[in-house]
């Protein structure tokens, strides 16, 4: 029975885990254990893509809110 954890590649994070990590970074709250897990499972590409998508959704929602408020 082999028990070599170093030779196994870490699992990639699921899209839900990436979204949770990015949204918690937007708010500024994250537990240490969750952060340490994210360091192992998240790839920089996943974080960048999720961050750009989250920022675009945030900006578009603000634009829509301002248009809704000013149209009345």
PDB file of N, CA and C in Angstrom:
ATOM      1  N   UNK A   1       0.843  -1.181   0.000  1.00  0.00           N
ATOM      2  CA  UNK A   1       0.000   0.000   0.000  1.00  0.00           C
ATOM      3  C   UNK A   1       0.887   1.243   0.000  1.00  0.00           C
ATOM      4  N   UNK A   2       0.772   2.046  -1.036  1.00  0.00           N
ATOM      5  CA  UNK A   2       1.571   3.263  -1.156  1.00  0.00           C
ATOM      6  C   UNK A   2       0.828   4.446  -0.582  1.00  0.00           C
ATOM      7  N   UNK A   3       1.535   5.239   0.171  1.00  0.00           N
ATOM      8  CA  UNK A   3       0.936   6.456   0.722  1.00  0.00           C
ATOM      9  C   UNK A   3       1.835   7.619   0.383  1.00  0.00           C
ATOM     10  N   UNK A   4       1.821   8.029  -0.861  1.00  0.00           N
ATOM     11  CA  UNK A   4       2.643   9.152  -1.286  1.00  0.00           C
ATOM     12  C   UNK A   4       1.739  10.296  -1.697  1.00  0.00           C
ATOM     13  N   UNK A   5       1.598  11.219  -0.811  1.00  0.00           N
ATOM     14  CA  UNK A   5       0.751  12.371  -1.093  1.00  0.00           C
ATOM     15  C   UNK A   5       1.464  13.373  -1.984  1.00  0.00           C
ATOM     16  N   UNK A   6       2.807  13.431  -1.912  1.00  0.00           N
ATOM     17  CA  UNK A   6       3.527  14.397  -2.713  1.00  0.00           C
ATOM     18  C   UNK A   6       3.437  14.091  -4.203  1.00  0.00           C
ATOM     19  N   UNK A   7       3.360  12.810  -4.557  1.00  0.00           N
ATOM     20  CA  UNK A   7       3.341  12.458  -5.966  1.00  0.00           C
ATOM     21  C   UNK A   7       1.980  12.701  -6.606  1.00  0.00           C
ATOM     22  N   UNK A   8       0.933  12.738  -5.795  1.00  0.00           N
ATOM     23  CA  UNK A   8      -0.396  12.999  -6.336  1.00  0.00           C
ATOM     24  C   UNK A   8      -0.571  14.489  -6.574  1.00  0.00           C
ATOM     25  N   UNK A   9      -1.131  14.821  -7.724  1.00  0.00           N
ATOM     26  CA  UNK A   9      -1.381  16.235  -7.986  1.00  0.00           C
ATOM     27  C   UNK A   9      -2.646  16.656  -7.250  1.00  0.00           C
ATOM     28  N   UNK A  10      -2.667  17.865  -6.718  1.00  0.00           N
ATOM     29  CA  UNK A  10      -3.848  18.314  -5.986  1.00  0.00           C
ATOM     30  C   UNK A  10      -5.040  18.472  -6.927  1.00  0.00           C
ATOM     31  N   UNK A  11      -6.198  18.225  -6.383  1.00  0.00           N
ATOM     32  CA  UNK A  11      -7.418  18.379  -7.163  1.00  0.00           C
ATOM     33  C   UNK A  11      -7.630  19.842  -7.511  1.00  0.00           C
ATOM     34  N   UNK A  12      -8.191  20.071  -8.680  1.00  0.00           N
ATOM     35  CA  UNK A  12      -8.575  21.433  -9.037  1.00  0.00           C
ATOM     36  C   UNK A  12      -9.898  21.752  -8.361  1.00  0.00           C
ATOM     37  N   UNK A  13     -10.081  22.997  -8.046  1.00  0.00           N
ATOM     38  CA  UNK A  13     -11.298  23.431  -7.385  1.00  0.00           C
ATOM     39  C   UNK A  13     -12.464  23.416  -8.372  1.00  0.00           C
ATOM     40  N   UNK A  14     -13.645  23.186  -7.846  1.00  0.00           N
ATOM     41  CA  UNK A  14     -14.852  23.230  -8.668  1.00  0.00           C
ATOM     42  C   UNK A  14     -15.220  24.689  -8.916  1.00  0.00           C
ATOM     43  N   UNK A  15     -16.046  24.951  -9.923  1.00  0.00           N
ATOM     44  CA  UNK A  15     -16.464  26.341 -10.172  1.00  0.00           C
ATOM     45  C   UNK A  15     -17.142  26.989  -8.959  1.00  0.00           C
ATOM     46  N   UNK A  16     -17.889  26.206  -8.190  1.00  0.00           N
ATOM     47  CA  UNK A  16     -18.530  26.766  -7.001  1.00  0.00           C
ATOM     48  C   UNK A  16     -17.496  27.175  -5.956  1.00  0.00           C
ATOM     49  N   UNK A  17     -16.462  26.360  -5.783  1.00  0.00           N
ATOM     50  CA  UNK A  17     -15.404  26.703  -4.837  1.00  0.00           C
ATOM     51  C   UNK A  17     -14.645  27.949  -5.285  1.00  0.00           C
ATOM     52  N   UNK A  18     -14.425  28.074  -6.580  1.00  0.00           N
ATOM     53  CA  UNK A  18     -13.739  29.263  -7.108  1.00  0.00           C
ATOM     54  C   UNK A  18     -14.595  30.493  -6.880  1.00  0.00           C
ATOM     55  N   UNK A  19     -15.901  30.383  -7.154  1.00  0.00           N
ATOM     56  CA  UNK A  19     -16.805  31.516  -6.955  1.00  0.00           C
ATOM     57  C   UNK A  19     -16.835  31.934  -5.491  1.00  0.00           C
ATOM     58  N   UNK A  20     -16.904  30.978  -4.573  1.00  0.00           N
ATOM     59  CA  UNK A  20     -16.916  31.301  -3.151  1.00  0.00           C
ATOM     60  C   UNK A  20     -15.628  32.004  -2.737  1.00  0.00           C
ATOM     61  N   UNK A  21     -14.502  31.546  -3.249  1.00  0.00           N
ATOM     62  CA  UNK A  21     -13.225  32.165  -2.903  1.00  0.00           C
ATOM     63  C   UNK A  21     -13.139  33.589  -3.430  1.00  0.00           C
ATOM     64  N   UNK A  22     -13.575  33.796  -4.664  1.00  0.00           N
ATOM     65  CA  UNK A  22     -13.501  35.134  -5.266  1.00  0.00           C
ATOM     66  C   UNK A  22     -14.479  36.085  -4.593  1.00  0.00           C
ATOM     67  N   UNK A  23     -15.701  35.623  -4.326  1.00  0.00           N
ATOM     68  CA  UNK A  23     -16.676  36.501  -3.678  1.00  0.00           C
ATOM     69  C   UNK A  23     -16.264  36.844  -2.250  1.00  0.00           C
ATOM     70  N   UNK A  24     -15.671  35.899  -1.553  1.00  0.00           N
ATOM     71  CA  UNK A  24     -15.200  36.223  -0.202  1.00  0.00           C
ATOM     72  C   UNK A  24     -14.028  37.197  -0.263  1.00  0.00           C
ATOM     73  N   UNK A  25     -13.242  37.129  -1.322  1.00  0.00           N
ATOM     74  CA  UNK A  25     -12.156  38.094  -1.495  1.00  0.00           C
ATOM     75  C   UNK A  25     -12.713  39.479  -1.800  1.00  0.00           C
ATOM     76  N   UNK A  26     -13.803  39.551  -2.549  1.00  0.00           N
ATOM     77  CA  UNK A  26     -14.446  40.839  -2.823  1.00  0.00           C
ATOM     78  C   UNK A  26     -14.919  41.482  -1.524  1.00  0.00           C
ATOM     79  N   UNK A  27     -15.488  40.675  -0.634  1.00  0.00           N
ATOM     80  CA  UNK A  27     -16.008  41.181   0.628  1.00  0.00           C
ATOM     81  C   UNK A  27     -14.882  41.387   1.638  1.00  0.00           C
ATOM     82  N   UNK A  28     -13.864  40.550   1.563  1.00  0.00           N
ATOM     83  CA  UNK A  28     -12.724  40.692   2.447  1.00  0.00           C
ATOM     84  C   UNK A  28     -12.757  39.782   3.652  1.00  0.00           C
ATOM     85  N   UNK A  29     -13.541  38.717   3.582  1.00  0.00           N
ATOM     86  CA  UNK A  29     -13.595  37.780   4.698  1.00  0.00           C
ATOM     87  C   UNK A  29     -13.251  36.382   4.200  1.00  0.00           C
ATOM     88  N   UNK A  30     -12.454  35.686   4.965  1.00  0.00           N
ATOM     89  CA  UNK A  30     -12.101  34.304   4.623  1.00  0.00           C
ATOM     90  C   UNK A  30     -11.444  33.666   5.835  1.00  0.00           C
ATOM     91  N   UNK A  31     -11.840  32.458   6.154  1.00  0.00           N
ATOM     92  CA  UNK A  31     -11.211  31.731   7.254  1.00  0.00           C
ATOM     93  C   UNK A  31      -9.849  31.212   6.820  1.00  0.00           C
ATOM     94  N   UNK A  32      -8.974  31.056   7.786  1.00  0.00           N
ATOM     95  CA  UNK A  32      -7.623  30.595   7.489  1.00  0.00           C
ATOM     96  C   UNK A  32      -7.633  29.204   6.861  1.00  0.00           C
ATOM     97  N   UNK A  33      -8.453  28.311   7.382  1.00  0.00           N
ATOM     98  CA  UNK A  33      -8.496  26.946   6.848  1.00  0.00           C
ATOM     99  C   UNK A  33      -8.982  26.949   5.403  1.00  0.00           C
ATOM    100  N   UNK A  34      -9.974  27.762   5.115  1.00  0.00           N
ATOM    101  CA  UNK A  34     -10.489  27.842   3.745  1.00  0.00           C
ATOM    102  C   UNK A  34      -9.443  28.463   2.821  1.00  0.00           C
ATOM    103  N   UNK A  35      -8.735  29.443   3.308  1.00  0.00           N
ATOM    104  CA  UNK A  35      -7.679  30.076   2.508  1.00  0.00           C
ATOM    105  C   UNK A  35      -6.566  29.083   2.194  1.00  0.00           C
ATOM    106  N   UNK A  36      -6.157  28.308   3.187  1.00  0.00           N
ATOM    107  CA  UNK A  36      -5.094  27.323   2.979  1.00  0.00           C
ATOM    108  C   UNK A  36      -5.526  26.238   1.995  1.00  0.00           C
ATOM    109  N   UNK A  37      -6.798  25.863   2.053  1.00  0.00           N
ATOM    110  CA  UNK A  37      -7.318  24.878   1.099  1.00  0.00           C
ATOM    111  C   UNK A  37      -7.341  25.476  -0.306  1.00  0.00           C
ATOM    112  N   UNK A  38      -7.725  26.745  -0.409  1.00  0.00           N
ATOM    113  CA  UNK A  38      -7.780  27.412  -1.710  1.00  0.00           C
ATOM    114  C   UNK A  38      -6.405  27.536  -2.345  1.00  0.00           C
ATOM    115  N   UNK A  39      -5.392  27.761  -1.531  1.00  0.00           N
ATOM    116  CA  UNK A  39      -4.030  27.895  -2.062  1.00  0.00           C
ATOM    117  C   UNK A  39      -3.612  26.614  -2.776  1.00  0.00           C
ATOM    118  N   UNK A  40      -4.061  25.488  -2.268  1.00  0.00           N
ATOM    119  CA  UNK A  40      -3.685  24.204  -2.852  1.00  0.00           C
ATOM    120  C   UNK A  40      -4.527  23.870  -4.075  1.00  0.00           C
ATOM    121  N   UNK A  41      -5.815  24.201  -4.050  1.00  0.00           N
ATOM    122  CA  UNK A  41      -6.714  23.732  -5.111  1.00  0.00           C
ATOM    123  C   UNK A  41      -6.940  24.729  -6.239  1.00  0.00           C
ATOM    124  N   UNK A  42      -6.839  26.016  -5.975  1.00  0.00           N
ATOM    125  CA  UNK A  42      -7.125  27.009  -7.008  1.00  0.00           C
ATOM    126  C   UNK A  42      -5.908  27.245  -7.890  1.00  0.00           C
ATOM    127  N   UNK A  43      -6.172  27.433  -9.166  1.00  0.00           N
ATOM    128  CA  UNK A  43      -5.103  27.813 -10.083  1.00  0.00           C
ATOM    129  C   UNK A  43      -5.240  29.305 -10.382  1.00  0.00           C
ATOM    130  N   UNK A  44      -4.148  29.968 -10.732  1.00  0.00           N
ATOM    131  CA  UNK A  44      -4.235  31.399 -11.035  1.00  0.00           C
ATOM    132  C   UNK A  44      -5.220  31.710 -12.166  1.00  0.00           C
ATOM    133  N   UNK A  45      -5.277  30.857 -13.162  1.00  0.00           N
ATOM    134  CA  UNK A  45      -6.210  31.087 -14.266  1.00  0.00           C
ATOM    135  C   UNK A  45      -7.657  31.057 -13.784  1.00  0.00           C
ATOM    136  N   UNK A  46      -7.985  30.116 -12.911  1.00  0.00           N
ATOM    137  CA  UNK A  46      -9.345  30.050 -12.368  1.00  0.00           C
ATOM    138  C   UNK A  46      -9.691  31.319 -11.610  1.00  0.00           C
ATOM    139  N   UNK A  47      -8.773  31.800 -10.815  1.00  0.00           N
ATOM    140  CA  UNK A  47      -9.022  32.998 -10.005  1.00  0.00           C
ATOM    141  C   UNK A  47      -9.177  34.228 -10.892  1.00  0.00           C
ATOM    142  N   UNK A  48      -8.330  34.356 -11.906  1.00  0.00           N
ATOM    143  CA  UNK A  48      -8.402  35.515 -12.797  1.00  0.00           C
ATOM    144  C   UNK A  48      -9.711  35.535 -13.562  1.00  0.00           C
ATOM    145  N   UNK A  49     -10.087  34.397 -14.133  1.00  0.00           N
ATOM    146  CA  UNK A  49     -11.331  34.331 -14.911  1.00  0.00           C
ATOM    147  C   UNK A  49     -12.532  34.618 -14.021  1.00  0.00           C
ATOM    148  N   UNK A  50     -12.578  34.001 -12.848  1.00  0.00           N
ATOM    149  CA  UNK A  50     -13.702  34.229 -11.933  1.00  0.00           C
ATOM    150  C   UNK A  50     -13.736  35.672 -11.454  1.00  0.00           C
ATOM    151  N   UNK A  51     -12.584  36.262 -11.208  1.00  0.00           N
ATOM    152  CA  UNK A  51     -12.533  37.654 -10.770  1.00  0.00           C
ATOM    153  C   UNK A  51     -13.019  38.615 -11.837  1.00  0.00           C
ATOM    154  N   UNK A  52     -12.634  38.378 -13.083  1.00  0.00           N
ATOM    155  CA  UNK A  52     -13.093  39.239 -14.186  1.00  0.00           C
ATOM    156  C   UNK A  52     -14.600  39.105 -14.372  1.00  0.00           C
ATOM    157  N   UNK A  53     -15.101  37.885 -14.302  1.00  0.00           N
ATOM    158  CA  UNK A  53     -16.546  37.661 -14.452  1.00  0.00           C
ATOM    159  C   UNK A  53     -17.306  38.329 -13.310  1.00  0.00           C
ATOM    160  N   UNK A  54     -16.828  38.156 -12.070  1.00  0.00           N
ATOM    161  CA  UNK A  54     -17.498  38.766 -10.922  1.00  0.00           C
ATOM    162  C   UNK A  54     -17.463  40.289 -11.002  1.00  0.00           C
ATOM    163  N   UNK A  55     -16.341  40.848 -11.421  1.00  0.00           N
ATOM    164  CA  UNK A  55     -16.244  42.305 -11.554  1.00  0.00           C
ATOM    165  C   UNK A  55     -17.182  42.820 -12.640  1.00  0.00           C
ATOM    166  N   UNK A  56     -17.279  42.097 -13.758  1.00  0.00           N
ATOM    167  CA  UNK A  56     -18.177  42.505 -14.841  1.00  0.00           C
ATOM    168  C   UNK A  56     -19.637  42.464 -14.379  1.00  0.00           C
ATOM    169  N   UNK A  57     -20.000  41.416 -13.672  1.00  0.00           N
ATOM    170  CA  UNK A  57     -21.373  41.319 -13.158  1.00  0.00           C
ATOM    171  C   UNK A  57     -21.651  42.450 -12.173  1.00  0.00           C
ATOM    172  N   UNK A  58     -20.690  42.762 -11.322  1.00  0.00           N
ATOM    173  CA  UNK A  58     -20.862  43.842 -10.352  1.00  0.00           C
ATOM    174  C   UNK A  58     -21.047  45.191 -11.041  1.00  0.00           C
ATOM    175  N   UNK A  59     -20.198  45.481 -12.018  1.00  0.00           N
ATOM    176  CA  UNK A  59     -20.285  46.760 -12.730  1.00  0.00           C
ATOM    177  C   UNK A  59     -21.590  46.853 -13.513  1.00  0.00           C
ATOM    178  N   UNK A  60     -21.959  45.789 -14.205  1.00  0.00           N
ATOM    179  CA  UNK A  60     -23.207  45.806 -14.964  1.00  0.00           C
ATOM    180  C   UNK A  60     -24.424  45.967 -14.065  1.00  0.00           C
ATOM    181  N   UNK A  61     -24.402  45.348 -12.903  1.00  0.00           N
ATOM    182  CA  UNK A  61     -25.537  45.507 -11.991  1.00  0.00           C
ATOM    183  C   UNK A  61     -25.610  46.935 -11.457  1.00  0.00           C
ATOM    184  N   UNK A  62     -24.459  47.559 -11.205  1.00  0.00           N
ATOM    185  CA  UNK A  62     -24.482  48.960 -10.773  1.00  0.00           C
ATOM    186  C   UNK A  62     -25.009  49.879 -11.876  1.00  0.00           C
ATOM    187  N   UNK A  63     -24.589  49.627 -13.112  1.00  0.00           N
ATOM    188  CA  UNK A  63     -25.072  50.437 -14.233  1.00  0.00           C
ATOM    189  C   UNK A  63     -26.576  50.278 -14.381  1.00  0.00           C
ATOM    190  N   UNK A  64     -27.063  49.059 -14.285  1.00  0.00           N
ATOM    191  CA  UNK A  64     -28.505  48.830 -14.405  1.00  0.00           C
ATOM    192  C   UNK A  64     -29.270  49.481 -13.260  1.00  0.00           C
ATOM    193  N   UNK A  65     -28.710  49.433 -12.046  1.00  0.00           N
ATOM    194  CA  UNK A  65     -29.359  50.074 -10.904  1.00  0.00           C
ATOM    195  C   UNK A  65     -29.429  51.587 -11.095  1.00  0.00           C
ATOM    196  N   UNK A  66     -28.359  52.195 -11.549  1.00  0.00           N
ATOM    197  CA  UNK A  66     -28.348  53.649 -11.776  1.00  0.00           C
ATOM    198  C   UNK A  66     -29.332  54.016 -12.868  1.00  0.00           C
ATOM    199  N   UNK A  67     -29.373  53.251 -13.944  1.00  0.00           N
ATOM    200  CA  UNK A  67     -30.342  53.542 -15.026  1.00  0.00           C
ATOM    201  C   UNK A  67     -31.770  53.408 -14.522  1.00  0.00           C
ATOM    202  N   UNK A  68     -32.032  52.399 -13.686  1.00  0.00           N
ATOM    203  CA  UNK A  68     -33.377  52.213 -13.147  1.00  0.00           C
ATOM    204  C   UNK A  68     -33.772  53.380 -12.258  1.00  0.00           C
ATOM    205  N   UNK A  69     -32.855  53.827 -11.414  1.00  0.00           N
ATOM    206  CA  UNK A  69     -33.152  54.926 -10.491  1.00  0.00           C
ATOM    207  C   UNK A  69     -33.318  56.233 -11.239  1.00  0.00           C
ATOM    208  N   UNK A  70     -32.481  56.499 -12.243  1.00  0.00           N
ATOM    209  CA  UNK A  70     -32.566  57.780 -12.937  1.00  0.00           C
ATOM    210  C   UNK A  70     -33.686  57.826 -13.970  1.00  0.00           C
ATOM    211  N   UNK A  71     -34.242  56.699 -14.345  1.00  0.00           N
ATOM    212  CA  UNK A  71     -35.309  56.707 -15.345  1.00  0.00           C
ATOM    213  C   UNK A  71     -36.652  57.095 -14.746  1.00  0.00           C
ATOM    214  N   UNK A  72     -36.742  57.110 -13.457  1.00  0.00           N
ATOM    215  CA  UNK A  72     -38.054  57.399 -12.839  1.00  0.00           C
ATOM    216  C   UNK A  72     -38.221  58.830 -12.501  1.00  0.00           C
TER     217      UNK A  72
END
